Amino acid sequence: MKAILGRKVGMTQIFDEEGRMVPVTVVEAGPCWVVQVRSKEKDGYEAVQIGFKEAKKEKNIKKPILGIFKKAGIQPCKILKEFKMSGYNVGDRITVEIFSKGEVVSVAGTSKGKGFQGVMKRHNFRGGPDTHGSMFNRAPGSIGASSFPSRVWKGKRMAGHMGNERVTVKNIKVVDVIPEQNLILLKGAVPGGVNGILEIWKVEV
């Protein structure tokens, strides 16, 4: 497995060799630093913790996390994530060059928050008729289950907080890699808004 952390810069479009327009998401990926290495002997599993974006003020980082960076002798970072991969040592630098044009990767991020939404927007309910005085319109309708079980089933689709949750999108094509600017261009859209933190990885078979 190879992975990197990045920041969503925004979307644009480029033209391929055949002159076709391709929508791409521009991501500033890395450089990331290997802060901690997990091993089977000590921790029971293999993984690597990597840091991204140097923190401006140490006081904004929790002390247990700050201790991890100081033990590794690395400048504290804003973002610290763990990936189940191996082959790295503490202090190694991971750049966008681990990926190449044409590869297919997975991307995870936090989706845009939509606030409190009704069932029509949140779950695509059809709603009721707007005419003949139905007075139903955008209401959710009945949620009961008769005398048994005399309660609302868990997971019932209702109005509530929409978005602002972890979303993973697989099979995203790498359109181009620009190592000089630490940029990677991904085909199509990825979760989250501008400046959102993204996890990009590929599992080698």
C-alpha atoms as a PDB file:
ATOM      1  CA  MET A   1       0.000   0.000   0.000  1.00  0.00           C
ATOM      2  CA  LYS A   2       1.137   3.541  -0.735  1.00  0.00           C
ATOM      3  CA  ALA A   3      -0.606   6.597   0.669  1.00  0.00           C
ATOM      4  CA  ILE A   4      -0.323  10.356   1.116  1.00  0.00           C
ATOM      5  CA  LEU A   5      -2.248  13.226   2.680  1.00  0.00           C
ATOM      6  CA  GLY A   6      -3.314  16.276   0.733  1.00  0.00           C
ATOM      7  CA  ARG A   7      -5.319  19.497   0.660  1.00  0.00           C
ATOM      8  CA  LYS A   8      -8.054  20.105  -1.902  1.00  0.00           C
ATOM      9  CA  VAL A   9      -7.141  23.218  -3.889  1.00  0.00           C
ATOM     10  CA  GLY A  10     -10.163  23.279  -6.193  1.00  0.00           C
ATOM     11  CA  MET A  11     -11.403  22.108  -9.576  1.00  0.00           C
ATOM     12  CA  THR A  12     -10.383  23.003 -13.105  1.00  0.00           C
ATOM     13  CA  GLN A  13     -10.262  21.395 -16.511  1.00  0.00           C
ATOM     14  CA  ILE A  14      -7.524  20.221 -18.855  1.00  0.00           C
ATOM     15  CA  PHE A  15      -7.448  18.806 -22.363  1.00  0.00           C
ATOM     16  CA  ASP A  16      -6.043  15.371 -23.133  1.00  0.00           C
ATOM     17  CA  GLU A  17      -3.983  14.289 -26.159  1.00  0.00           C
ATOM     18  CA  GLU A  18      -7.144  13.882 -28.230  1.00  0.00           C
ATOM     19  CA  GLY A  19      -8.442  17.345 -27.411  1.00  0.00           C
ATOM     20  CA  ARG A  20     -11.178  16.175 -25.034  1.00  0.00           C
ATOM     21  CA  MET A  21     -11.961  18.290 -21.996  1.00  0.00           C
ATOM     22  CA  VAL A  22     -11.356  16.461 -18.697  1.00  0.00           C
ATOM     23  CA  PRO A  23     -12.643  17.890 -15.367  1.00  0.00           C
ATOM     24  CA  VAL A  24     -10.002  17.478 -12.662  1.00  0.00           C
ATOM     25  CA  THR A  25      -9.618  18.157  -8.955  1.00  0.00           C
ATOM     26  CA  VAL A  26      -6.308  19.785  -8.008  1.00  0.00           C
ATOM     27  CA  VAL A  27      -4.860  18.419  -4.764  1.00  0.00           C
ATOM     28  CA  GLU A  28      -1.750  19.667  -2.969  1.00  0.00           C
ATOM     29  CA  ALA A  29      -0.413  16.300  -1.810  1.00  0.00           C
ATOM     30  CA  GLY A  30       2.502  16.212   0.599  1.00  0.00           C
ATOM     31  CA  PRO A  31       5.257  16.379   1.356  1.00  0.00           C
ATOM     32  CA  CYS A  32       4.455  14.166   4.354  1.00  0.00           C
ATOM     33  CA  TRP A  33       6.785  12.951   7.068  1.00  0.00           C
ATOM     34  CA  VAL A  34       6.868   9.511   8.654  1.00  0.00           C
ATOM     35  CA  VAL A  35       6.383  10.242  12.348  1.00  0.00           C
ATOM     36  CA  GLN A  36       5.890   6.769  13.821  1.00  0.00           C
ATOM     37  CA  VAL A  37       6.218   3.173  12.613  1.00  0.00           C
ATOM     38  CA  ARG A  38       4.107   0.365  14.053  1.00  0.00           C
ATOM     39  CA  SER A  39       5.514  -3.175  14.020  1.00  0.00           C
ATOM     40  CA  LYS A  40       4.056  -6.634  14.631  1.00  0.00           C
ATOM     41  CA  GLU A  41       6.584  -7.335  17.366  1.00  0.00           C
ATOM     42  CA  LYS A  42       5.725  -4.262  19.433  1.00  0.00           C
ATOM     43  CA  ASP A  43       2.181  -3.265  18.410  1.00  0.00           C
ATOM     44  CA  GLY A  44       0.736  -6.427  16.882  1.00  0.00           C
ATOM     45  CA  TYR A  45       0.262  -4.918  13.419  1.00  0.00           C
ATOM     46  CA  GLU A  46       2.185  -3.026  10.757  1.00  0.00           C
ATOM     47  CA  ALA A  47       1.336   0.610  10.045  1.00  0.00           C
ATOM     48  CA  VAL A  48       2.870   4.016   9.488  1.00  0.00           C
ATOM     49  CA  GLN A  49       1.811   7.370  10.947  1.00  0.00           C
ATOM     50  CA  ILE A  50       2.427  10.316   8.636  1.00  0.00           C
ATOM     51  CA  GLY A  51       2.167  14.051   9.286  1.00  0.00           C
ATOM     52  CA  PHE A  52       1.081  16.772   6.874  1.00  0.00           C
ATOM     53  CA  LYS A  53       1.223  20.594   7.002  1.00  0.00           C
ATOM     54  CA  GLU A  54       3.587  22.018   9.606  1.00  0.00           C
ATOM     55  CA  ALA A  55       1.808  23.596  12.572  1.00  0.00           C
ATOM     56  CA  LYS A  56       2.453  27.305  13.132  1.00  0.00           C
ATOM     57  CA  LYS A  57       2.020  27.117  16.914  1.00  0.00           C
ATOM     58  CA  GLU A  58       2.884  24.193  19.167  1.00  0.00           C
ATOM     59  CA  LYS A  59       0.363  25.349  21.779  1.00  0.00           C
ATOM     60  CA  ASN A  60      -2.464  24.368  19.410  1.00  0.00           C
ATOM     61  CA  ILE A  61      -1.395  20.703  19.447  1.00  0.00           C
ATOM     62  CA  LYS A  62      -2.423  18.337  22.225  1.00  0.00           C
ATOM     63  CA  LYS A  63       0.493  17.304  24.436  1.00  0.00           C
ATOM     64  CA  PRO A  64       0.345  13.526  23.755  1.00  0.00           C
ATOM     65  CA  ILE A  65       0.439  14.210  20.000  1.00  0.00           C
ATOM     66  CA  LEU A  66       3.191  16.786  20.444  1.00  0.00           C
ATOM     67  CA  GLY A  67       5.261  14.170  22.273  1.00  0.00           C
ATOM     68  CA  ILE A  68       5.100  11.854  19.265  1.00  0.00           C
ATOM     69  CA  PHE A  69       6.611  14.547  17.021  1.00  0.00           C
ATOM     70  CA  LYS A  70       9.309  15.478  19.518  1.00  0.00           C
ATOM     71  CA  LYS A  71      10.313  11.830  19.962  1.00  0.00           C
ATOM     72  CA  ALA A  72      10.679  11.507  16.184  1.00  0.00           C
ATOM     73  CA  GLY A  73      12.582  14.796  15.955  1.00  0.00           C
ATOM     74  CA  ILE A  74      10.138  16.185  13.394  1.00  0.00           C
ATOM     75  CA  GLN A  75       8.495  19.587  13.254  1.00  0.00           C
ATOM     76  CA  PRO A  76       4.903  19.220  14.598  1.00  0.00           C
ATOM     77  CA  CYS A  77       2.251  18.894  11.897  1.00  0.00           C
ATOM     78  CA  LYS A  78      -1.414  19.876  11.850  1.00  0.00           C
ATOM     79  CA  ILE A  79      -2.596  16.532  10.473  1.00  0.00           C
ATOM     80  CA  LEU A  80      -1.543  13.078  11.686  1.00  0.00           C
ATOM     81  CA  LYS A  81      -2.973   9.933  10.082  1.00  0.00           C
ATOM     82  CA  GLU A  82      -2.140   6.238  10.213  1.00  0.00           C
ATOM     83  CA  PHE A  83      -2.050   3.899   7.217  1.00  0.00           C
ATOM     84  CA  LYS A  84      -1.529   0.143   7.198  1.00  0.00           C
ATOM     85  CA  MET A  85       1.625   0.057   5.091  1.00  0.00           C
ATOM     86  CA  SER A  86       5.251  -0.873   5.641  1.00  0.00           C
ATOM     87  CA  GLY A  87       8.715  -0.236   4.285  1.00  0.00           C
ATOM     88  CA  TYR A  88       9.252   3.190   5.851  1.00  0.00           C
ATOM     89  CA  ASN A  89      11.435   4.523   8.649  1.00  0.00           C
ATOM     90  CA  VAL A  90      10.856   7.439  11.024  1.00  0.00           C
ATOM     91  CA  GLY A  91      11.875  10.680   9.322  1.00  0.00           C
ATOM     92  CA  ASP A  92      11.264   9.473   5.757  1.00  0.00           C
ATOM     93  CA  ARG A  93       9.729  12.008   3.385  1.00  0.00           C
ATOM     94  CA  ILE A  94       6.735  10.964   1.267  1.00  0.00           C
ATOM     95  CA  THR A  95       6.066  13.044  -1.832  1.00  0.00           C
ATOM     96  CA  VAL A  96       3.488  12.996  -4.595  1.00  0.00           C
ATOM     97  CA  GLU A  97       5.993  11.187  -6.811  1.00  0.00           C
ATOM     98  CA  ILE A  98       4.879   7.846  -5.315  1.00  0.00           C
ATOM     99  CA  PHE A  99       1.945   8.097  -7.759  1.00  0.00           C
ATOM    100  CA  SER A 100       2.155   8.247 -11.532  1.00  0.00           C
ATOM    101  CA  LYS A 101      -0.080   9.328 -14.382  1.00  0.00           C
ATOM    102  CA  GLY A 102      -2.767   6.779 -15.268  1.00  0.00           C
ATOM    103  CA  GLU A 103      -2.924   5.066 -11.867  1.00  0.00           C
ATOM    104  CA  VAL A 104      -6.248   4.413 -10.148  1.00  0.00           C
ATOM    105  CA  VAL A 105      -6.508   5.468  -6.491  1.00  0.00           C
ATOM    106  CA  SER A 106      -8.991   5.748  -3.638  1.00  0.00           C
ATOM    107  CA  VAL A 107      -9.740   9.112  -2.001  1.00  0.00           C
ATOM    108  CA  ALA A 108     -11.362   9.773   1.380  1.00  0.00           C
ATOM    109  CA  GLY A 109     -12.433  13.071   2.896  1.00  0.00           C
ATOM    110  CA  THR A 110     -15.147  14.825   4.889  1.00  0.00           C
ATOM    111  CA  SER A 111     -18.163  15.740   2.800  1.00  0.00           C
ATOM    112  CA  LYS A 112     -19.636  19.239   2.788  1.00  0.00           C
ATOM    113  CA  GLY A 113     -22.036  19.890   5.657  1.00  0.00           C
ATOM    114  CA  LYS A 114     -25.598  20.696   4.566  1.00  0.00           C
ATOM    115  CA  GLY A 115     -27.070  21.386   8.002  1.00  0.00           C
ATOM    116  CA  PHE A 116     -30.493  20.080   9.090  1.00  0.00           C
ATOM    117  CA  GLN A 117     -32.426  18.882   6.042  1.00  0.00           C
ATOM    118  CA  GLY A 118     -35.829  17.313   5.427  1.00  0.00           C
ATOM    119  CA  VAL A 119     -36.493  13.871   3.999  1.00  0.00           C
ATOM    120  CA  MET A 120     -36.908  15.067   0.398  1.00  0.00           C
ATOM    121  CA  LYS A 121     -33.421  16.566   0.184  1.00  0.00           C
ATOM    122  CA  ARG A 122     -31.708  14.147   2.556  1.00  0.00           C
ATOM    123  CA  HIS A 123     -33.176  10.857   1.278  1.00  0.00           C
ATOM    124  CA  ASN A 124     -34.764  11.810  -2.064  1.00  0.00           C
ATOM    125  CA  PHE A 125     -38.338  11.137  -0.897  1.00  0.00           C
ATOM    126  CA  ARG A 126     -40.941  11.953  -3.530  1.00  0.00           C
ATOM    127  CA  GLY A 127     -43.200  13.967  -1.220  1.00  0.00           C
ATOM    128  CA  GLY A 128     -46.943  14.371  -1.536  1.00  0.00           C
ATOM    129  CA  PRO A 129     -49.133  16.143  -4.112  1.00  0.00           C
ATOM    130  CA  ASP A 130     -49.013  19.935  -4.222  1.00  0.00           C
ATOM    131  CA  THR A 131     -52.611  20.360  -5.418  1.00  0.00           C
ATOM    132  CA  HIS A 132     -56.191  19.704  -4.295  1.00  0.00           C
ATOM    133  CA  GLY A 133     -55.458  20.840  -0.741  1.00  0.00           C
ATOM    134  CA  SER A 134     -53.544  17.705   0.257  1.00  0.00           C
ATOM    135  CA  MET A 135     -51.507  19.625   2.871  1.00  0.00           C
ATOM    136  CA  PHE A 136     -48.946  16.811   2.674  1.00  0.00           C
ATOM    137  CA  ASN A 137     -46.331  18.336   0.326  1.00  0.00           C
ATOM    138  CA  ARG A 138     -42.840  17.786   1.787  1.00  0.00           C
ATOM    139  CA  ALA A 139     -43.765  15.933   4.976  1.00  0.00           C
ATOM    140  CA  PRO A 140     -42.133  12.558   5.794  1.00  0.00           C
ATOM    141  CA  GLY A 141     -45.390  10.669   6.308  1.00  0.00           C
ATOM    142  CA  SER A 142     -46.108   7.888   8.777  1.00  0.00           C
ATOM    143  CA  ILE A 143     -43.202   6.457  10.789  1.00  0.00           C
ATOM    144  CA  GLY A 144     -45.131   4.088  13.033  1.00  0.00           C
ATOM    145  CA  ALA A 145     -45.205   0.288  12.959  1.00  0.00           C
ATOM    146  CA  SER A 146     -48.650  -0.476  14.413  1.00  0.00           C
ATOM    147  CA  SER A 147     -48.929  -2.293  17.749  1.00  0.00           C
ATOM    148  CA  PHE A 148     -45.796  -4.298  17.027  1.00  0.00           C
ATOM    149  CA  PRO A 149     -43.112  -3.347  17.829  1.00  0.00           C
ATOM    150  CA  SER A 150     -44.768  -0.159  19.136  1.00  0.00           C
ATOM    151  CA  ARG A 151     -41.669   1.863  18.406  1.00  0.00           C
ATOM    152  CA  VAL A 152     -39.776   3.418  15.502  1.00  0.00           C
ATOM    153  CA  TRP A 153     -37.264   1.071  13.887  1.00  0.00           C
ATOM    154  CA  LYS A 154     -33.602   2.013  14.214  1.00  0.00           C
ATOM    155  CA  GLY A 155     -32.199   3.493  11.021  1.00  0.00           C
ATOM    156  CA  LYS A 156     -35.560   4.902   9.905  1.00  0.00           C
ATOM    157  CA  ARG A 157     -34.935   7.491   7.208  1.00  0.00           C
ATOM    158  CA  MET A 158     -36.015  10.828   8.652  1.00  0.00           C
ATOM    159  CA  ALA A 159     -35.030  14.489   8.649  1.00  0.00           C
ATOM    160  CA  GLY A 160     -31.708  15.310  10.296  1.00  0.00           C
ATOM    161  CA  HIS A 161     -28.125  16.455   9.927  1.00  0.00           C
ATOM    162  CA  MET A 162     -26.933  15.971   6.353  1.00  0.00           C
ATOM    163  CA  GLY A 163     -23.320  15.769   5.180  1.00  0.00           C
ATOM    164  CA  ASN A 164     -20.180  16.469   7.216  1.00  0.00           C
ATOM    165  CA  GLU A 165     -19.256  12.771   7.319  1.00  0.00           C
ATOM    166  CA  ARG A 166     -16.405  10.642   6.036  1.00  0.00           C
ATOM    167  CA  VAL A 167     -16.842   9.647   2.404  1.00  0.00           C
ATOM    168  CA  THR A 168     -14.587   7.311   0.399  1.00  0.00           C
ATOM    169  CA  VAL A 169     -14.567   7.302  -3.405  1.00  0.00           C
ATOM    170  CA  LYS A 170     -12.758   4.484  -5.205  1.00  0.00           C
ATOM    171  CA  ASN A 171     -11.381   4.069  -8.727  1.00  0.00           C
ATOM    172  CA  ILE A 172     -10.351   7.688  -9.312  1.00  0.00           C
ATOM    173  CA  LYS A 173      -7.874   8.097 -12.148  1.00  0.00           C
ATOM    174  CA  VAL A 174      -4.684  10.118 -11.714  1.00  0.00           C
ATOM    175  CA  VAL A 175      -4.668  12.476 -14.686  1.00  0.00           C
ATOM    176  CA  ASP A 176      -1.289  14.076 -13.975  1.00  0.00           C
ATOM    177  CA  VAL A 177       1.364  14.550 -11.289  1.00  0.00           C
ATOM    178  CA  ILE A 178       3.333  17.812 -10.886  1.00  0.00           C
ATOM    179  CA  PRO A 179       6.182  17.067  -8.400  1.00  0.00           C
ATOM    180  CA  GLU A 180       7.651  20.596  -8.553  1.00  0.00           C
ATOM    181  CA  GLN A 181       4.493  22.032  -6.989  1.00  0.00           C
ATOM    182  CA  ASN A 182       3.453  18.934  -4.988  1.00  0.00           C
ATOM    183  CA  LEU A 183       0.255  18.709  -7.029  1.00  0.00           C
ATOM    184  CA  ILE A 184      -1.771  15.733  -8.205  1.00  0.00           C
ATOM    185  CA  LEU A 185      -4.669  16.036 -10.645  1.00  0.00           C
ATOM    186  CA  LEU A 186      -7.533  13.600 -10.081  1.00  0.00           C
ATOM    187  CA  LYS A 187     -10.260  12.979 -12.644  1.00  0.00           C
ATOM    188  CA  GLY A 188     -13.685  14.213 -11.528  1.00  0.00           C
ATOM    189  CA  ALA A 189     -14.845  15.306  -8.090  1.00  0.00           C
ATOM    190  CA  VAL A 190     -13.637  14.204  -4.657  1.00  0.00           C
ATOM    191  CA  PRO A 191     -15.343  14.552  -1.250  1.00  0.00           C
ATOM    192  CA  GLY A 192     -15.299  17.833   0.656  1.00  0.00           C
ATOM    193  CA  GLY A 193     -14.856  21.503  -0.041  1.00  0.00           C
ATOM    194  CA  VAL A 194     -11.863  23.673  -0.861  1.00  0.00           C
ATOM    195  CA  ASN A 195      -9.013  23.341   1.689  1.00  0.00           C
ATOM    196  CA  GLY A 196     -10.464  20.049   2.936  1.00  0.00           C
ATOM    197  CA  ILE A 197      -7.962  17.366   3.986  1.00  0.00           C
ATOM    198  CA  LEU A 198      -7.901  14.264   1.778  1.00  0.00           C
ATOM    199  CA  GLU A 199      -6.396  10.797   2.127  1.00  0.00           C
ATOM    200  CA  ILE A 200      -5.153   9.318  -1.150  1.00  0.00           C
ATOM    201  CA  TRP A 201      -3.993   5.728  -1.336  1.00  0.00           C
ATOM    202  CA  LYS A 202      -3.544   2.721  -3.567  1.00  0.00           C
ATOM    203  CA  VAL A 203      -3.277  -0.911  -2.534  1.00  0.00           C
ATOM    204  CA  GLU A 204      -0.615  -2.685  -4.554  1.00  0.00           C
ATOM    205  CA  VAL A 205      -1.655  -6.173  -5.656  1.00  0.00           C
END
